[in-house]
Every structure is written in C-alpha cells, then in structure tokens.
Amino acid sequence: NFDENPNHAFLSLLMVAKCQRRMGIGRDVVKAVEMEILKNHSIKCILAGVQINNESAIAFWKEMGYKIISGPELLPDTTIVYRLKKDIKK
C-alpha cells in the first residue's frame, strides 16, 4: 500500500556490510522479501530507491530486475536517489 496504492510495495532499505558483499546475501534477502510480498496478490509492482552515486548498487538492482524510473531525486535527508521499479508478472 505504498503511497496509498494497494498495488505497490516498497523496499525501503537494504544494506549489506562491505565485508559481506558479493557473496549472494543481498540477492537472497531481496528474493526472500519479494516472495513474502508476492503472497499479497494485489501487488503489481515493487518500488525501491538507490543512491545515484552508488554504481555497484545500481548494477545490483538492475541484475535483480529493477528498472530506473526517475531522474535524480533529492530527498528530505539530502540523499539523491533514482527511483526503481520491478513489475510483478503473475
């Protein structure tokens, strides 16, 4: 029910310690969360955000099937992000 839309879910934060990266942990966590989200059959897409200066995270999310759907966006905490979206195929 992200942004009052019952068809949208939002992944708000995924952080993996630097020493634990590139071991499949992030991929496994995202897949597990997506499986939980998919239990709600009204969800049509999953949204997320990624900092524009984090090239490895951008590559990760693209590998996970997410697409950039916005230009750089300044958030209230002064973070600049791209919005991401993954459509759910049922």
Protein backbone atom coordinates (compact mmCIF):
# COMPACT_ATOMS: atom_id res chain seq x y z
CA ASN A 1 0.00 0.00 0.00
CA PHE A 2 2.86 2.38 -0.80
CA ASP A 3 1.73 5.95 -1.47
CA GLU A 4 -1.82 4.75 -0.73
CA ASN A 5 -1.75 2.48 -3.76
CA PRO A 6 -2.73 -1.09 -2.78
CA ASN A 7 -0.93 -2.43 -5.88
CA HIS A 8 2.50 -1.08 -4.84
CA ALA A 9 5.05 -2.39 -2.36
CA PHE A 10 8.22 -0.52 -1.41
CA LEU A 11 11.60 -1.83 -0.29
CA SER A 12 12.83 0.96 1.90
CA LEU A 13 16.39 -0.08 2.73
CA LEU A 14 18.83 -2.87 2.02
CA MET A 15 22.30 -2.64 3.49
CA VAL A 16 24.95 -5.35 3.48
CA ALA A 17 28.24 -4.88 5.33
CA LYS A 18 31.09 -4.23 2.92
CA CYS A 19 32.96 -7.34 4.05
CA GLN A 20 29.87 -9.46 3.28
CA ARG A 21 29.15 -8.13 -0.22
CA ARG A 22 29.41 -10.17 -3.40
CA MET A 23 28.51 -13.34 -1.51
CA GLY A 24 24.87 -13.54 -2.63
CA ILE A 25 23.45 -12.28 0.67
CA GLY A 26 21.72 -9.24 -0.85
CA ARG A 27 20.29 -11.32 -3.69
CA ASP A 28 18.97 -13.93 -1.26
CA VAL A 29 17.43 -11.29 1.01
CA VAL A 30 15.73 -9.48 -1.89
CA LYS A 31 14.36 -12.76 -3.27
CA ALA A 32 13.03 -13.74 0.17
CA VAL A 33 11.37 -10.34 0.65
CA GLU A 34 9.89 -10.48 -2.85
CA MET A 35 8.43 -13.94 -2.11
CA GLU A 36 6.78 -12.53 1.01
CA ILE A 37 5.43 -9.55 -0.94
CA LEU A 38 4.03 -11.86 -3.62
CA LYS A 39 1.80 -13.52 -1.03
CA ASN A 40 -0.31 -10.37 -1.38
CA HIS A 41 -1.92 -10.99 -4.78
CA SER A 42 -2.93 -7.36 -5.24
CA ILE A 43 0.70 -6.22 -5.57
CA LYS A 44 1.53 -5.36 -9.18
CA CYS A 45 4.98 -3.81 -8.68
CA ILE A 46 7.76 -3.36 -6.16
CA LEU A 47 9.40 0.04 -5.84
CA ALA A 48 12.74 0.98 -4.29
CA GLY A 49 15.37 3.67 -4.39
CA VAL A 50 19.11 3.71 -4.90
CA GLN A 51 21.64 6.47 -4.34
CA ILE A 52 22.82 7.85 -7.67
CA ASN A 53 26.48 7.71 -6.66
CA ASN A 54 26.39 4.00 -5.77
CA GLU A 55 27.22 2.36 -9.10
CA SER A 56 27.55 -1.14 -7.68
CA ALA A 57 24.13 -0.90 -6.03
CA ILE A 58 22.59 0.37 -9.27
CA ALA A 59 24.09 -2.63 -11.09
CA PHE A 60 22.80 -4.97 -8.35
CA TRP A 61 19.23 -3.70 -8.61
CA LYS A 62 19.30 -3.94 -12.40
CA GLU A 63 20.50 -7.55 -12.10
CA MET A 64 17.55 -8.18 -9.77
CA GLY A 65 15.16 -6.99 -12.49
CA TYR A 66 14.51 -3.43 -11.31
CA LYS A 67 14.46 -0.53 -13.74
CA ILE A 68 15.25 3.12 -13.09
CA ILE A 69 12.00 5.06 -13.49
CA SER A 70 13.06 8.57 -12.47
CA GLY A 71 15.83 11.05 -12.86
CA PRO A 72 17.86 12.01 -9.81
CA GLU A 73 15.56 12.99 -6.93
CA LEU A 74 16.61 14.97 -3.86
CA LEU A 75 15.13 13.51 -0.69
CA PRO A 76 14.46 15.47 2.52
CA ASP A 77 17.60 13.95 4.12
CA THR A 78 19.63 15.43 1.19
CA THR A 79 20.23 11.98 -0.32
CA ILE A 80 19.92 11.93 -4.10
CA VAL A 81 18.32 8.78 -5.49
CA TYR A 82 16.91 7.12 -8.54
CA ARG A 83 13.51 5.50 -8.10
CA LEU A 84 13.38 1.86 -9.13
CA LYS A 85 10.50 -0.39 -10.18
CA LYS A 86 10.01 -4.09 -10.77
CA ASP A 87 6.75 -5.18 -12.33
CA ILE A 88 5.25 -8.39 -10.97
CA LYS A 89 4.29 -10.97 -13.55
CA LYS A 90 1.54 -13.28 -12.36
